[in-house]
Protein backbone atom coordinates (compact mmCIF):
# COMPACT_ATOMS: atom_id res chain seq x y z
CA LEU A 1 32.92 99.16 -48.36
CA GLY A 2 34.01 96.88 -51.19
CA LEU A 3 33.47 93.14 -50.78
CA ARG A 4 34.46 90.19 -52.93
CA GLN A 5 32.96 86.70 -52.71
CA GLU A 6 35.91 84.57 -53.85
CA GLU A 7 34.06 81.31 -54.56
CA GLN A 8 31.61 83.00 -56.93
CA GLY A 9 34.00 85.70 -58.12
CA LYS A 10 31.41 88.42 -57.41
CA GLU A 11 32.06 91.90 -56.08
CA TYR A 12 29.68 93.95 -53.96
CA GLU A 13 29.57 97.41 -52.45
CA LEU A 14 28.02 98.16 -49.09
CA THR A 15 27.33 101.67 -47.86
CA THR A 16 27.91 101.87 -44.13
CA GLU A 17 28.67 104.41 -41.42
CA GLY A 18 31.20 102.19 -39.70
CA LEU A 19 32.97 98.87 -39.60
CA ILE A 20 33.93 96.76 -36.61
CA LEU A 21 36.50 93.99 -36.96
CA ALA A 22 36.55 91.46 -34.14
CA THR A 23 39.64 89.35 -33.59
CA GLY A 24 41.15 87.36 -30.76
CA TYR A 25 38.74 84.43 -30.55
CA ARG A 26 39.72 82.03 -27.78
CA TYR A 27 37.90 78.78 -27.19
CA GLU A 28 36.95 77.84 -23.63
CA ALA A 29 35.82 74.30 -22.92
CA PRO A 30 32.27 74.14 -21.55
CA ALA A 31 31.87 73.32 -17.87
CA PHE A 32 29.91 70.13 -18.60
CA LEU A 33 33.15 68.47 -19.76
CA ALA A 34 34.72 68.82 -16.29
CA PRO A 35 33.51 65.41 -15.02
CA VAL A 36 35.23 63.62 -17.94
CA GLU A 37 38.33 65.82 -18.17
CA GLY A 38 40.56 62.87 -17.24
CA ARG A 39 39.41 61.01 -20.36
CA LEU A 40 40.18 63.85 -22.81
CA ARG A 41 43.32 64.07 -24.94
CA HIS A 42 45.12 67.42 -25.24
CA ASP A 43 48.08 68.48 -27.36
CA SER A 44 51.24 70.14 -26.04
CA ARG A 45 49.52 73.55 -26.17
CA GLY A 46 46.52 72.45 -24.09
CA ARG A 47 44.12 72.25 -27.04
CA PHE A 48 41.96 69.21 -27.69
CA ASP A 49 43.91 66.51 -29.53
CA VAL A 50 41.33 65.79 -32.23
CA ALA A 51 41.58 62.46 -34.08
CA ARG A 52 40.51 62.00 -37.71
CA ASN A 53 37.13 60.69 -36.52
CA TYR A 54 36.78 63.82 -34.32
CA SER A 55 37.16 61.85 -31.10
CA ILE A 56 38.99 63.52 -28.22
CA ASP A 57 38.77 60.80 -25.58
CA THR A 58 41.61 58.47 -24.66
CA THR A 59 39.85 55.44 -26.16
CA GLY A 60 39.07 57.17 -29.46
CA ARG A 61 35.51 55.89 -29.40
CA GLY A 62 33.40 57.71 -26.83
CA ILE A 63 33.65 61.51 -26.90
CA PHE A 64 33.48 63.42 -30.16
CA LEU A 65 34.07 67.10 -30.84
CA GLN A 66 32.57 69.50 -33.33
CA ASN A 67 33.40 73.17 -33.98
CA ALA A 68 36.25 73.39 -31.47
CA GLY A 69 39.04 71.89 -33.54
CA VAL A 70 39.78 74.78 -35.90
CA HIS A 71 43.46 74.53 -34.93
CA THR A 72 43.62 71.19 -36.77
CA HIS A 73 42.92 72.88 -40.13
CA SER A 74 46.08 74.96 -40.34
């Protein structure tokens, strides 16, 4: 298997008997958010509506999100 690390511009080879590619990641909100669901902003597709300061609550000051806003990077 040939690999290339783009940031460093290095190439590697890895001997392996197999390769598994996993796709189809889908985020599911944790159950502990259920009691505050009414305070959370969502976009038209049902995803968290993440502000620039990573807040997702309707006031923009109380509930912050990390690692569940990948959709905001595209």
